[in-house]
Amino acid sequence: MKNAIIILSDPRAGSDEATSRLLNALAFADECQRNADELEIVFAGTGTRWPQELAKPTHPAHTRYSALREHVRGASRSCAVRNDAVPGLEAVGVPLIADNLVPGSQGVASLRRYVADGWHVTTF
């Protein structure tokens, strides 16, 4: 099975919902990894702020994220620029993705490519 997990929730929201969405995304990713699925994790929208938070050893999801880090494909470039997340992404080594060249943008992560290639796409 091929699973693409797109994380959109905003860590700056400081809400239980945002953190719960992230934790559910990581739980699903963990299940996919344990079942040897093809797996890619993409951060988009305000979710591009998560990797810098998750890199902190004190974050409650740090250990789980670290175990899944090899599956992180990257973060949507234009989303990261718009949400001031580029320095944080660079600091933790998460690449920017711009394979969907939307006019007037610096490019965003293509979700269509997953669908076209038969992946299951789940957003959190």
Protein backbone atom coordinates (compact mmCIF):
# COMPACT_ATOMS: atom_id res chain seq x y z
CA MET A 1 0.00 0.00 0.00
CA LYS A 2 1.18 3.54 -0.74
CA ASN A 3 0.22 6.23 1.79
CA ALA A 4 0.87 9.95 1.62
CA ILE A 5 0.17 11.82 4.84
CA ILE A 6 -0.31 15.56 4.55
CA ILE A 7 -0.05 17.54 7.78
CA LEU A 8 -1.84 20.90 7.72
CA SER A 9 -2.57 21.65 11.38
CA ASP A 10 -0.88 24.67 12.95
CA PRO A 11 1.33 24.25 16.03
CA ARG A 12 0.92 27.95 16.78
CA ALA A 13 -2.80 27.41 17.34
CA GLY A 14 -1.81 26.04 20.73
CA SER A 15 -4.98 23.98 20.73
CA ASP A 16 -5.67 20.41 21.68
CA GLU A 17 -7.14 19.95 18.20
CA ALA A 18 -3.92 20.95 16.39
CA THR A 19 -1.77 18.70 18.55
CA SER A 20 -4.25 15.83 18.38
CA ARG A 21 -4.32 16.05 14.59
CA LEU A 22 -0.53 15.85 14.51
CA LEU A 23 -0.45 12.92 16.93
CA ASN A 24 -3.05 11.07 14.87
CA ALA A 25 -1.03 11.70 11.71
CA LEU A 26 2.08 10.27 13.37
CA ALA A 27 0.13 7.30 14.73
CA PHE A 28 -1.15 6.52 11.25
CA ALA A 29 2.36 6.94 9.82
CA ASP A 30 3.70 4.59 12.49
CA GLU A 31 1.08 1.98 11.57
CA CYS A 32 2.00 2.33 7.89
CA GLN A 33 5.69 1.93 8.70
CA ARG A 34 5.05 -1.19 10.81
CA ASN A 35 3.14 -2.69 7.89
CA ALA A 36 5.94 -1.90 5.41
CA ASP A 37 3.78 0.46 3.36
CA GLU A 38 5.36 2.98 1.05
CA LEU A 39 5.06 6.14 3.08
CA GLU A 40 5.67 9.83 2.55
CA ILE A 41 4.90 12.64 4.97
CA VAL A 42 4.44 16.17 3.65
CA PHE A 43 3.93 19.34 5.65
CA ALA A 44 1.73 21.98 3.97
CA GLY A 45 -0.08 25.17 4.90
CA THR A 46 0.58 26.21 8.48
CA GLY A 47 1.71 22.62 9.06
CA THR A 48 5.07 23.69 7.64
CA ARG A 49 5.76 25.05 11.13
CA TRP A 50 5.68 21.57 12.73
CA PRO A 51 9.13 20.15 11.89
CA GLN A 52 10.97 22.79 13.91
CA GLU A 53 8.72 22.05 16.89
CA LEU A 54 9.04 18.29 16.51
CA ALA A 55 12.83 18.51 16.44
CA LYS A 56 12.79 19.72 20.06
CA PRO A 57 13.55 16.80 22.41
CA THR A 58 11.02 18.22 24.88
CA HIS A 59 8.11 17.98 22.44
CA PRO A 60 5.80 15.07 23.37
CA ALA A 61 5.86 13.79 19.75
CA HIS A 62 9.62 14.13 19.27
CA THR A 63 10.45 10.43 19.68
CA ARG A 64 7.69 9.25 17.33
CA TYR A 65 8.60 11.92 14.74
CA SER A 66 12.28 10.96 14.92
CA ALA A 67 11.37 7.32 14.26
CA LEU A 68 9.44 8.40 11.16
CA ARG A 69 11.86 11.08 9.93
CA GLU A 70 13.12 8.98 7.01
CA HIS A 71 9.62 9.17 5.51
CA VAL A 72 9.39 12.98 5.58
CA ARG A 73 9.46 14.03 1.94
CA GLY A 74 9.46 17.73 2.79
CA ALA A 75 7.37 20.86 3.13
CA SER A 76 5.44 22.84 0.56
CA ARG A 77 7.67 25.76 -0.53
CA SER A 78 5.08 28.53 -0.97
CA CYS A 79 3.31 27.49 2.22
CA ALA A 80 6.59 27.62 4.14
CA VAL A 81 7.40 31.06 2.72
CA ARG A 82 3.94 32.42 3.51
CA ASN A 83 4.01 31.06 7.06
CA ASP A 84 7.58 32.16 7.89
CA ALA A 85 8.65 28.53 8.30
CA VAL A 86 11.62 28.43 5.91
CA PRO A 87 14.34 29.17 8.51
CA GLY A 88 12.97 26.50 10.84
CA LEU A 89 12.73 23.93 8.07
CA GLU A 90 16.27 24.66 6.94
CA ALA A 91 17.53 24.42 10.52
CA VAL A 92 16.14 20.89 10.89
CA GLY A 93 16.95 19.71 7.36
CA VAL A 94 13.46 19.39 5.90
CA PRO A 95 13.54 20.10 2.14
CA LEU A 96 11.15 22.43 0.37
CA ILE A 97 8.89 20.92 -2.29
CA ALA A 98 7.75 22.94 -5.31
CA ASP A 99 6.67 20.33 -7.86
CA ASN A 100 3.30 22.02 -8.47
CA LEU A 101 4.14 25.33 -10.12
CA VAL A 102 0.98 27.27 -9.36
CA PRO A 103 1.07 30.60 -11.25
CA GLY A 104 1.98 33.47 -8.94
CA SER A 105 3.59 31.18 -6.36
CA GLN A 106 7.03 29.78 -5.71
CA GLY A 107 5.56 26.32 -6.16
CA VAL A 108 3.76 24.02 -3.76
CA ALA A 109 3.82 20.31 -3.04
CA SER A 110 1.85 18.40 -5.65
CA LEU A 111 -0.88 16.27 -4.14
CA ARG A 112 -2.19 15.28 -7.55
CA ARG A 113 0.96 13.29 -8.27
CA TYR A 114 0.11 10.99 -5.38
CA VAL A 115 -3.40 10.40 -6.69
CA ALA A 116 -2.13 9.90 -10.25
CA ASP A 117 0.37 7.31 -9.00
CA GLY A 118 -2.24 5.38 -7.00
CA TRP A 119 -1.36 6.60 -3.51
CA HIS A 120 -3.88 6.98 -0.70
CA VAL A 121 -3.78 10.59 0.48
CA THR A 122 -4.80 11.42 4.05
CA THR A 123 -4.79 14.92 5.48
CA PHE A 124 -4.53 15.93 9.10
